[in-house]
Amino acid sequence: MTETKTHTATDISALEASVREASAEQRALALEMDSIPSKIQAAAHADARAKAQAAREGGTGAAVAAVAAVEDESEVPQLRQREKDLPYLIWAASIRHAALEAELYDAQVKHHEAEAQKARSGLLGLKLDMDEATRKYNERADAVQHAEGAASRLSYYRSQASKRAKALEREYPGV
């Protein structure tokens, strides 16, 4: 039999915490994926408003500089890149979550197998004790049954003998 690492309750607790964290990360990424289109739209509207404002101010040097600054500060390219990256991040988080779950279940299986082995080690002695106790119980139950049966039969015989004695006394009253 090969030796396997047994996991303690603290190892299992740590793995459970890691699984919860991975699950939370996966949910957070999914929520971000759902919300990113509205963030891109809001950033695009903000950029458009800033450019429109700069255009209304005319072609002055300050307005041109403001438009260039708006383009440099725009979140839209970063958000679009994040939108492209998120499916891969979600995929990686899913793999991490599944791997942690597999490790957790493996640790739990090994822990319970070790508990079963430990419990099994004293089982034979207890079985032998149980067999001996069962044998003694059966002997005692047989003795009780035998004694009660004998008492019942003898009670019947006593009743029959008493009836015969009374019948004989009636037949021969003076004896």
N, C-alpha and C. Protein backbone atom coordinates (compact mmCIF):
# COMPACT_ATOMS: atom_id res chain seq x y z
N MET A 1 0.84 -1.17 0.00
CA MET A 1 0.00 0.00 0.00
C MET A 1 0.89 1.24 0.00
N THR A 2 0.57 2.19 -0.84
CA THR A 2 1.37 3.41 -0.90
C THR A 2 0.91 4.38 0.18
N GLU A 3 1.86 5.13 0.67
CA GLU A 3 1.56 6.13 1.69
C GLU A 3 1.01 7.38 1.01
N THR A 4 -0.05 7.91 1.55
CA THR A 4 -0.60 9.15 1.03
C THR A 4 -0.59 10.18 2.14
N LYS A 5 -0.48 11.44 1.73
CA LYS A 5 -0.46 12.52 2.71
C LYS A 5 -1.85 12.67 3.28
N THR A 6 -1.94 12.66 4.60
CA THR A 6 -3.23 12.91 5.22
C THR A 6 -3.35 14.40 5.49
N HIS A 7 -4.51 14.90 5.26
CA HIS A 7 -4.76 16.33 5.44
C HIS A 7 -5.46 16.56 6.77
N THR A 8 -5.00 17.56 7.48
CA THR A 8 -5.62 17.90 8.75
C THR A 8 -6.82 18.80 8.50
N ALA A 9 -7.58 19.03 9.55
CA ALA A 9 -8.75 19.90 9.43
C ALA A 9 -8.34 21.32 9.05
N THR A 10 -7.16 21.76 9.52
CA THR A 10 -6.71 23.12 9.17
C THR A 10 -6.35 23.20 7.69
N ASP A 11 -5.73 22.14 7.16
CA ASP A 11 -5.44 22.12 5.72
C ASP A 11 -6.74 22.21 4.92
N ILE A 12 -7.73 21.44 5.35
CA ILE A 12 -9.01 21.42 4.65
C ILE A 12 -9.69 22.78 4.79
N SER A 13 -9.62 23.38 5.97
CA SER A 13 -10.22 24.71 6.17
C SER A 13 -9.55 25.75 5.27
N ALA A 14 -8.23 25.67 5.16
CA ALA A 14 -7.50 26.60 4.30
C ALA A 14 -7.91 26.40 2.83
N LEU A 15 -8.06 25.16 2.42
CA LEU A 15 -8.48 24.88 1.05
C LEU A 15 -9.91 25.37 0.82
N GLU A 16 -10.79 25.18 1.81
CA GLU A 16 -12.16 25.67 1.67
C GLU A 16 -12.16 27.19 1.52
N ALA A 17 -11.32 27.87 2.29
CA ALA A 17 -11.22 29.34 2.18
C ALA A 17 -10.72 29.73 0.79
N SER A 18 -9.73 29.00 0.27
CA SER A 18 -9.20 29.29 -1.07
C SER A 18 -10.27 29.07 -2.13
N VAL A 19 -11.07 28.03 -1.97
CA VAL A 19 -12.15 27.76 -2.93
C VAL A 19 -13.17 28.89 -2.88
N ARG A 20 -13.52 29.35 -1.67
CA ARG A 20 -14.47 30.47 -1.56
C ARG A 20 -13.91 31.73 -2.22
N GLU A 21 -12.61 32.00 -2.01
CA GLU A 21 -11.98 33.18 -2.62
C GLU A 21 -11.98 33.07 -4.15
N ALA A 22 -11.66 31.89 -4.65
CA ALA A 22 -11.63 31.69 -6.11
C ALA A 22 -13.04 31.84 -6.69
N SER A 23 -14.02 31.35 -5.98
CA SER A 23 -15.40 31.49 -6.43
C SER A 23 -15.82 32.96 -6.43
N ALA A 24 -15.44 33.68 -5.39
CA ALA A 24 -15.77 35.11 -5.31
C ALA A 24 -15.08 35.88 -6.44
N GLU A 25 -13.82 35.53 -6.72
CA GLU A 25 -13.09 36.19 -7.80
C GLU A 25 -13.77 35.92 -9.14
N GLN A 26 -14.20 34.70 -9.34
CA GLN A 26 -14.87 34.33 -10.58
C GLN A 26 -16.18 35.11 -10.73
N ARG A 27 -16.96 35.21 -9.65
CA ARG A 27 -18.21 35.99 -9.70
C ARG A 27 -17.93 37.47 -9.96
N ALA A 28 -16.88 38.02 -9.31
CA ALA A 28 -16.55 39.43 -9.49
C ALA A 28 -16.16 39.72 -10.94
N LEU A 29 -15.40 38.83 -11.54
CA LEU A 29 -15.02 39.01 -12.95
C LEU A 29 -16.24 38.93 -13.86
N ALA A 30 -17.15 38.01 -13.54
CA ALA A 30 -18.37 37.89 -14.35
C ALA A 30 -19.22 39.15 -14.23
N LEU A 31 -19.31 39.68 -13.02
CA LEU A 31 -20.07 40.93 -12.82
C LEU A 31 -19.41 42.09 -13.57
N GLU A 32 -18.07 42.12 -13.53
CA GLU A 32 -17.35 43.17 -14.26
C GLU A 32 -17.60 43.04 -15.76
N MET A 33 -17.61 41.80 -16.24
CA MET A 33 -17.86 41.56 -17.66
C MET A 33 -19.25 42.06 -18.05
N ASP A 34 -20.22 41.86 -17.14
CA ASP A 34 -21.57 42.33 -17.42
C ASP A 34 -21.66 43.86 -17.42
N SER A 35 -20.85 44.50 -16.57
CA SER A 35 -20.97 45.95 -16.41
C SER A 35 -20.06 46.75 -17.35
N ILE A 36 -19.10 46.11 -17.99
CA ILE A 36 -18.12 46.87 -18.79
C ILE A 36 -18.74 47.56 -19.99
N PRO A 37 -19.73 47.00 -20.68
CA PRO A 37 -20.31 47.75 -21.81
C PRO A 37 -20.89 49.10 -21.37
N SER A 38 -21.56 49.12 -20.21
CA SER A 38 -22.12 50.40 -19.76
C SER A 38 -21.02 51.36 -19.34
N LYS A 39 -19.91 50.84 -18.80
CA LYS A 39 -18.77 51.70 -18.45
C LYS A 39 -18.14 52.30 -19.70
N ILE A 40 -18.01 51.49 -20.74
CA ILE A 40 -17.45 51.98 -22.01
C ILE A 40 -18.37 53.06 -22.60
N GLN A 41 -19.66 52.79 -22.55
CA GLN A 41 -20.61 53.75 -23.08
C GLN A 41 -20.55 55.06 -22.31
N ALA A 42 -20.49 54.98 -20.98
CA ALA A 42 -20.41 56.20 -20.16
C ALA A 42 -19.12 56.96 -20.44
N ALA A 43 -17.99 56.25 -20.57
CA ALA A 43 -16.71 56.91 -20.86
C ALA A 43 -16.73 57.54 -22.24
N ALA A 44 -17.33 56.86 -23.21
CA ALA A 44 -17.43 57.41 -24.58
C ALA A 44 -18.28 58.67 -24.58
N HIS A 45 -19.38 58.65 -23.83
CA HIS A 45 -20.22 59.86 -23.74
C HIS A 45 -19.46 61.01 -23.08
N ALA A 46 -18.72 60.69 -22.02
CA ALA A 46 -17.94 61.73 -21.35
C ALA A 46 -16.90 62.31 -22.30
N ASP A 47 -16.23 61.45 -23.08
CA ASP A 47 -15.25 61.94 -24.06
C ASP A 47 -15.92 62.82 -25.10
N ALA A 48 -17.07 62.38 -25.57
CA ALA A 48 -17.78 63.14 -26.61
C ALA A 48 -18.21 64.49 -26.06
N ARG A 49 -18.69 64.53 -24.83
CA ARG A 49 -19.07 65.81 -24.23
C ARG A 49 -17.87 66.74 -24.10
N ALA A 50 -16.74 66.19 -23.68
CA ALA A 50 -15.54 67.02 -23.51
C ALA A 50 -15.06 67.55 -24.87
N LYS A 51 -15.10 66.72 -25.90
CA LYS A 51 -14.69 67.16 -27.24
C LYS A 51 -15.67 68.20 -27.79
N ALA A 52 -16.95 67.98 -27.53
CA ALA A 52 -17.95 68.94 -27.99
C ALA A 52 -17.75 70.28 -27.29
N GLN A 53 -17.46 70.22 -26.03
CA GLN A 53 -17.21 71.45 -25.28
C GLN A 53 -15.99 72.17 -25.85
N ALA A 54 -14.94 71.44 -26.14
CA ALA A 54 -13.73 72.03 -26.70
C ALA A 54 -14.01 72.62 -28.09
N ALA A 55 -14.83 71.92 -28.87
CA ALA A 55 -15.17 72.43 -30.21
C ALA A 55 -15.99 73.71 -30.12
N ARG A 56 -16.90 73.79 -29.14
CA ARG A 56 -17.71 74.99 -28.96
C ARG A 56 -16.85 76.19 -28.58
N GLU A 57 -15.77 75.92 -27.86
CA GLU A 57 -14.89 77.01 -27.43
C GLU A 57 -14.04 77.54 -28.58
N GLY A 58 -14.07 76.84 -29.68
CA GLY A 58 -13.36 77.34 -30.85
C GLY A 58 -12.01 76.67 -31.01
N GLY A 59 -11.31 77.10 -32.01
CA GLY A 59 -10.04 76.47 -32.34
C GLY A 59 -8.87 77.13 -31.66
N THR A 60 -9.09 77.70 -30.52
CA THR A 60 -7.98 78.34 -29.83
C THR A 60 -6.98 77.31 -29.37
N GLY A 61 -5.80 77.75 -29.05
CA GLY A 61 -4.75 76.85 -28.58
C GLY A 61 -5.15 76.12 -27.32
N ALA A 62 -5.85 76.81 -26.44
CA ALA A 62 -6.31 76.18 -25.20
C ALA A 62 -7.32 75.09 -25.49
N ALA A 63 -8.22 75.33 -26.44
CA ALA A 63 -9.24 74.34 -26.79
C ALA A 63 -8.61 73.12 -27.42
N VAL A 64 -7.64 73.32 -28.30
CA VAL A 64 -6.95 72.20 -28.95
C VAL A 64 -6.19 71.38 -27.89
N ALA A 65 -5.56 72.09 -26.98
CA ALA A 65 -4.84 71.40 -25.90
C ALA A 65 -5.82 70.61 -25.03
N ALA A 66 -7.03 71.19 -24.81
CA ALA A 66 -8.05 70.50 -24.01
C ALA A 66 -8.51 69.23 -24.71
N VAL A 67 -8.71 69.28 -26.04
CA VAL A 67 -9.12 68.09 -26.80
C VAL A 67 -8.03 67.02 -26.73
N ALA A 68 -6.77 67.43 -26.88
CA ALA A 68 -5.67 66.47 -26.80
C ALA A 68 -5.60 65.85 -25.41
N ALA A 69 -5.83 66.67 -24.38
CA ALA A 69 -5.82 66.16 -23.00
C ALA A 69 -6.96 65.17 -22.79
N VAL A 70 -8.13 65.46 -23.34
CA VAL A 70 -9.28 64.57 -23.21
C VAL A 70 -8.96 63.23 -23.87
N GLU A 71 -8.34 63.27 -25.04
CA GLU A 71 -8.00 62.03 -25.74
C GLU A 71 -6.97 61.23 -24.95
N ASP A 72 -6.02 61.92 -24.33
CA ASP A 72 -5.01 61.23 -23.53
C ASP A 72 -5.61 60.62 -22.26
N GLU A 73 -6.60 61.30 -21.67
CA GLU A 73 -7.19 60.84 -20.42
C GLU A 73 -8.36 59.89 -20.64
N SER A 74 -8.73 59.64 -21.82
CA SER A 74 -9.89 58.81 -22.12
C SER A 74 -9.71 57.40 -21.55
N GLU A 75 -10.77 56.92 -20.91
CA GLU A 75 -10.76 55.56 -20.36
C GLU A 75 -11.21 54.53 -21.38
N VAL A 76 -11.76 54.97 -22.48
CA VAL A 76 -12.35 54.05 -23.45
C VAL A 76 -11.35 53.00 -23.94
N PRO A 77 -10.13 53.38 -24.36
CA PRO A 77 -9.20 52.35 -24.83
C PRO A 77 -8.85 51.33 -23.73
N GLN A 78 -8.66 51.84 -22.51
CA GLN A 78 -8.35 50.92 -21.40
C GLN A 78 -9.54 49.98 -21.13
N LEU A 79 -10.74 50.53 -21.15
CA LEU A 79 -11.93 49.70 -20.91
C LEU A 79 -12.12 48.67 -22.02
N ARG A 80 -11.86 49.07 -23.27
CA ARG A 80 -11.98 48.11 -24.38
C ARG A 80 -10.94 46.99 -24.24
N GLN A 81 -9.72 47.37 -23.82
CA GLN A 81 -8.70 46.34 -23.59
C GLN A 81 -9.12 45.41 -22.46
N ARG A 82 -9.67 45.99 -21.40
CA ARG A 82 -10.15 45.18 -20.28
C ARG A 82 -11.27 44.25 -20.73
N GLU A 83 -12.14 44.77 -21.61
CA GLU A 83 -13.23 43.95 -22.14
C GLU A 83 -12.68 42.76 -22.93
N LYS A 84 -11.59 42.99 -23.66
CA LYS A 84 -10.95 41.89 -24.41
C LYS A 84 -10.29 40.89 -23.47
N ASP A 85 -9.70 41.41 -22.38
CA ASP A 85 -8.97 40.55 -21.45
C ASP A 85 -9.87 39.73 -20.53
N LEU A 86 -11.05 40.26 -20.23
CA LEU A 86 -11.91 39.61 -19.24
C LEU A 86 -12.28 38.16 -19.55
N PRO A 87 -12.61 37.79 -20.79
CA PRO A 87 -12.93 36.36 -21.03
C PRO A 87 -11.78 35.44 -20.64
N TYR A 88 -10.56 35.86 -20.91
CA TYR A 88 -9.40 35.03 -20.55
C TYR A 88 -9.20 35.00 -19.04
N LEU A 89 -9.43 36.15 -18.40
CA LEU A 89 -9.32 36.20 -16.93
C LEU A 89 -10.39 35.33 -16.28
N ILE A 90 -11.60 35.37 -16.83
CA ILE A 90 -12.68 34.52 -16.31
C ILE A 90 -12.33 33.05 -16.52
N TRP A 91 -11.82 32.74 -17.68
CA TRP A 91 -11.41 31.37 -17.98
C TRP A 91 -10.34 30.90 -17.01
N ALA A 92 -9.33 31.75 -16.78
CA ALA A 92 -8.25 31.40 -15.84
C ALA A 92 -8.79 31.25 -14.42
N ALA A 93 -9.71 32.13 -14.02
CA ALA A 93 -10.31 32.03 -12.68
C ALA A 93 -11.13 30.75 -12.56
N SER A 94 -11.81 30.37 -13.62
CA SER A 94 -12.60 29.13 -13.61
C SER A 94 -11.70 27.91 -13.45
N ILE A 95 -10.58 27.93 -14.16
CA ILE A 95 -9.62 26.82 -14.04
C ILE A 95 -9.06 26.75 -12.63
N ARG A 96 -8.69 27.90 -12.09
CA ARG A 96 -8.15 27.95 -10.72
C ARG A 96 -9.19 27.44 -9.73
N HIS A 97 -10.42 27.88 -9.88
CA HIS A 97 -11.50 27.46 -8.98
C HIS A 97 -11.70 25.95 -9.06
N ALA A 98 -11.76 25.42 -10.27
CA ALA A 98 -11.96 23.97 -10.44
C ALA A 98 -10.79 23.18 -9.87
N ALA A 99 -9.57 23.66 -10.07
CA ALA A 99 -8.40 22.97 -9.54
C ALA A 99 -8.40 22.98 -8.02
N LEU A 100 -8.77 24.12 -7.44
CA LEU A 100 -8.85 24.19 -5.97
C LEU A 100 -9.95 23.29 -5.42
N GLU A 101 -11.08 23.23 -6.11
CA GLU A 101 -12.15 22.33 -5.68
C GLU A 101 -11.68 20.88 -5.74
N ALA A 102 -11.00 20.52 -6.82
CA ALA A 102 -10.49 19.15 -6.95
C ALA A 102 -9.51 18.84 -5.81
N GLU A 103 -8.63 19.79 -5.50
CA GLU A 103 -7.67 19.59 -4.41
C GLU A 103 -8.40 19.47 -3.07
N LEU A 104 -9.42 20.30 -2.86
CA LEU A 104 -10.21 20.24 -1.63
C LEU A 104 -10.89 18.88 -1.50
N TYR A 105 -11.55 18.44 -2.56
CA TYR A 105 -12.25 17.15 -2.49
C TYR A 105 -11.28 16.01 -2.28
N ASP A 106 -10.10 16.11 -2.91
CA ASP A 106 -9.08 15.08 -2.71
C ASP A 106 -8.64 15.05 -1.24
N ALA A 107 -8.43 16.22 -0.66
CA ALA A 107 -8.03 16.30 0.74
C ALA A 107 -9.12 15.74 1.65
N GLN A 108 -10.38 16.05 1.33
CA GLN A 108 -11.48 15.53 2.14
C GLN A 108 -11.59 14.01 2.02
N VAL A 109 -11.41 13.50 0.81
CA VAL A 109 -11.45 12.05 0.62
C VAL A 109 -10.35 11.38 1.44
N LYS A 110 -9.13 11.90 1.33
CA LYS A 110 -8.01 11.31 2.07
C LYS A 110 -8.23 11.41 3.57
N HIS A 111 -8.78 12.54 4.02
CA HIS A 111 -9.05 12.72 5.46
C HIS A 111 -10.05 11.67 5.95
N HIS A 112 -11.13 11.49 5.18
CA HIS A 112 -12.16 10.53 5.59
C HIS A 112 -11.67 9.09 5.46
N GLU A 113 -10.85 8.83 4.46
CA GLU A 113 -10.27 7.48 4.34
C GLU A 113 -9.37 7.18 5.52
N ALA A 114 -8.58 8.18 5.97
CA ALA A 114 -7.72 7.99 7.14
C ALA A 114 -8.56 7.77 8.39
N GLU A 115 -9.66 8.52 8.52
CA GLU A 115 -10.56 8.31 9.67
C GLU A 115 -11.15 6.90 9.64
N ALA A 116 -11.54 6.46 8.46
CA ALA A 116 -12.10 5.12 8.32
C ALA A 116 -11.08 4.06 8.68
N GLN A 117 -9.84 4.26 8.23
CA GLN A 117 -8.78 3.31 8.55
C GLN A 117 -8.52 3.26 10.05
N LYS A 118 -8.49 4.44 10.68
CA LYS A 118 -8.27 4.50 12.13
C LYS A 118 -9.40 3.80 12.88
N ALA A 119 -10.63 4.03 12.44
CA ALA A 119 -11.78 3.39 13.09
C ALA A 119 -11.77 1.89 12.83
N ARG A 120 -11.33 1.50 11.63
CA ARG A 120 -11.30 0.09 11.26
C ARG A 120 -10.27 -0.68 12.09
N SER A 121 -9.20 -0.01 12.53
CA SER A 121 -8.13 -0.71 13.23
C SER A 121 -8.62 -1.36 14.52
N GLY A 122 -9.53 -0.78 15.24
CA GLY A 122 -10.04 -1.38 16.48
C GLY A 122 -11.28 -2.21 16.28
N LEU A 123 -11.76 -2.28 15.04
CA LEU A 123 -13.02 -2.95 14.76
C LEU A 123 -12.95 -4.46 14.98
N LEU A 124 -11.84 -5.10 14.62
CA LEU A 124 -11.73 -6.55 14.77
C LEU A 124 -11.83 -6.96 16.23
N GLY A 125 -11.11 -6.23 17.09
CA GLY A 125 -11.18 -6.55 18.52
C GLY A 125 -12.59 -6.38 19.05
N LEU A 126 -13.25 -5.32 18.63
CA LEU A 126 -14.63 -5.10 19.07
C LEU A 126 -15.56 -6.18 18.53
N LYS A 127 -15.30 -6.62 17.30
CA LYS A 127 -16.12 -7.70 16.71
C LYS A 127 -15.94 -8.98 17.52
N LEU A 128 -14.70 -9.27 17.89
CA LEU A 128 -14.46 -10.47 18.70
C LEU A 128 -15.14 -10.35 20.06
N ASP A 129 -15.05 -9.16 20.67
CA ASP A 129 -15.74 -8.93 21.95
C ASP A 129 -17.25 -9.08 21.77
N MET A 130 -17.76 -8.56 20.66
CA MET A 130 -19.19 -8.67 20.39
C MET A 130 -19.60 -10.12 20.20
N ASP A 131 -18.78 -10.88 19.46
CA ASP A 131 -19.08 -12.30 19.24
C ASP A 131 -19.10 -13.05 20.57
N GLU A 132 -18.13 -12.74 21.43
CA GLU A 132 -18.07 -13.40 22.74
C GLU A 132 -19.28 -13.01 23.57
N ALA A 133 -19.64 -11.73 23.56
CA ALA A 133 -20.80 -11.27 24.31
C ALA A 133 -22.08 -11.90 23.75
N THR A 134 -22.16 -12.02 22.44
CA THR A 134 -23.34 -12.65 21.82
C THR A 134 -23.43 -14.11 22.22
N ARG A 135 -22.28 -14.79 22.23
CA ARG A 135 -22.27 -16.20 22.64
C ARG A 135 -22.76 -16.34 24.08
N LYS A 136 -22.23 -15.48 24.97
CA LYS A 136 -22.64 -15.53 26.38
C LYS A 136 -24.13 -15.19 26.52
N TYR A 137 -24.58 -14.20 25.77
CA TYR A 137 -26.00 -13.83 25.82
C TYR A 137 -26.86 -15.01 25.37
N ASN A 138 -26.46 -15.64 24.27
CA ASN A 138 -27.24 -16.78 23.76
C ASN A 138 -27.25 -17.93 24.75
N GLU A 139 -26.11 -18.18 25.41
CA GLU A 139 -26.06 -19.24 26.43
C GLU A 139 -27.02 -18.92 27.57
N ARG A 140 -26.97 -17.66 28.02
CA ARG A 140 -27.84 -17.25 29.13
C ARG A 140 -29.30 -17.29 28.72
N ALA A 141 -29.61 -16.83 27.52
CA ALA A 141 -30.99 -16.85 27.02
C ALA A 141 -31.48 -18.28 26.88
N ASP A 142 -30.61 -19.19 26.41
CA ASP A 142 -30.98 -20.61 26.30
C ASP A 142 -31.24 -21.20 27.68
N ALA A 143 -30.40 -20.84 28.67
CA ALA A 143 -30.58 -21.35 30.03
C ALA A 143 -31.91 -20.85 30.61
N VAL A 144 -32.21 -19.58 30.39
CA VAL A 144 -33.48 -19.02 30.88
C VAL A 144 -34.64 -19.73 30.20
N GLN A 145 -34.55 -19.88 28.89
CA GLN A 145 -35.63 -20.55 28.14
C GLN A 145 -35.80 -21.99 28.61
N HIS A 146 -34.69 -22.71 28.83
CA HIS A 146 -34.73 -24.09 29.29
C HIS A 146 -35.37 -24.16 30.67
N ALA A 147 -34.95 -23.26 31.58
CA ALA A 147 -35.48 -23.27 32.94
C ALA A 147 -36.97 -22.90 32.95
N GLU A 148 -37.35 -21.90 32.18
CA GLU A 148 -38.75 -21.51 32.13
C GLU A 148 -39.60 -22.63 31.50
N GLY A 149 -39.07 -23.27 30.47
CA GLY A 149 -39.78 -24.39 29.84
C GLY A 149 -39.94 -25.56 30.81
N ALA A 150 -38.85 -25.85 31.56
CA ALA A 150 -38.92 -26.94 32.54
C ALA A 150 -39.92 -26.58 33.63
N ALA A 151 -39.91 -25.34 34.10
CA ALA A 151 -40.85 -24.92 35.14
C ALA A 151 -42.28 -25.02 34.63
N SER A 152 -42.50 -24.65 33.39
CA SER A 152 -43.83 -24.72 32.80
C SER A 152 -44.31 -26.17 32.69
N ARG A 153 -43.44 -27.06 32.21
CA ARG A 153 -43.80 -28.48 32.10
C ARG A 153 -44.07 -29.07 33.47
N LEU A 154 -43.19 -28.76 34.42
CA LEU A 154 -43.35 -29.30 35.77
C LEU A 154 -44.61 -28.75 36.43
N SER A 155 -44.95 -27.52 36.14
CA SER A 155 -46.19 -26.94 36.65
C SER A 155 -47.39 -27.70 36.10
N TYR A 156 -47.31 -28.03 34.82
CA TYR A 156 -48.38 -28.82 34.21
C TYR A 156 -48.46 -30.20 34.87
N TYR A 157 -47.30 -30.86 35.04
CA TYR A 157 -47.28 -32.18 35.68
C TYR A 157 -47.84 -32.08 37.11
N ARG A 158 -47.49 -31.05 37.85
CA ARG A 158 -47.98 -30.84 39.21
C ARG A 158 -49.49 -30.69 39.19
N SER A 159 -50.00 -29.92 38.23
CA SER A 159 -51.44 -29.72 38.10
C SER A 159 -52.13 -31.04 37.81
N GLN A 160 -51.54 -31.84 36.92
CA GLN A 160 -52.12 -33.14 36.57
C GLN A 160 -52.09 -34.08 37.77
N ALA A 161 -50.97 -34.06 38.49
CA ALA A 161 -50.86 -34.94 39.67
C ALA A 161 -51.85 -34.52 40.75
N SER A 162 -52.02 -33.22 40.92
CA SER A 162 -52.97 -32.71 41.91
C SER A 162 -54.40 -33.11 41.52
N LYS A 163 -54.73 -33.03 40.25
CA LYS A 163 -56.05 -33.44 39.77
C LYS A 163 -56.28 -34.93 40.02
N ARG A 164 -55.27 -35.74 39.74
CA ARG A 164 -55.38 -37.19 39.96
C ARG A 164 -55.59 -37.48 41.45
N ALA A 165 -54.80 -36.74 42.29
CA ALA A 165 -54.92 -36.96 43.74
C ALA A 165 -56.32 -36.58 44.21
N LYS A 166 -56.90 -35.53 43.76
CA LYS A 166 -58.24 -35.11 44.15
C LYS A 166 -59.27 -36.10 43.63
N ALA A 167 -59.06 -36.57 42.40
CA ALA A 167 -59.99 -37.55 41.84
C ALA A 167 -59.94 -38.84 42.65
N LEU A 168 -58.76 -39.26 43.02
CA LEU A 168 -58.62 -40.49 43.81
C LEU A 168 -59.25 -40.30 45.19
N GLU A 169 -59.13 -39.14 45.81
CA GLU A 169 -59.74 -38.88 47.12
C GLU A 169 -61.26 -38.91 47.02
N ARG A 170 -61.81 -38.43 45.94
CA ARG A 170 -63.25 -38.48 45.77
C ARG A 170 -63.71 -39.91 45.58
N GLU A 171 -62.91 -40.68 44.89
CA GLU A 171 -63.26 -42.07 44.65
C GLU A 171 -63.20 -42.88 45.94
N TYR A 172 -62.21 -42.61 46.73
CA TYR A 172 -62.04 -43.34 47.99
C TYR A 172 -62.00 -42.30 49.12
N PRO A 173 -63.14 -41.84 49.58
CA PRO A 173 -63.17 -40.76 50.52
C PRO A 173 -62.46 -41.05 51.84
N GLY A 174 -62.38 -42.10 52.35
CA GLY A 174 -61.79 -42.32 53.66
C GLY A 174 -60.32 -42.60 53.69
N VAL A 175 -59.74 -42.71 52.62
CA VAL A 175 -58.33 -43.12 52.58
C VAL A 175 -57.42 -41.99 52.86
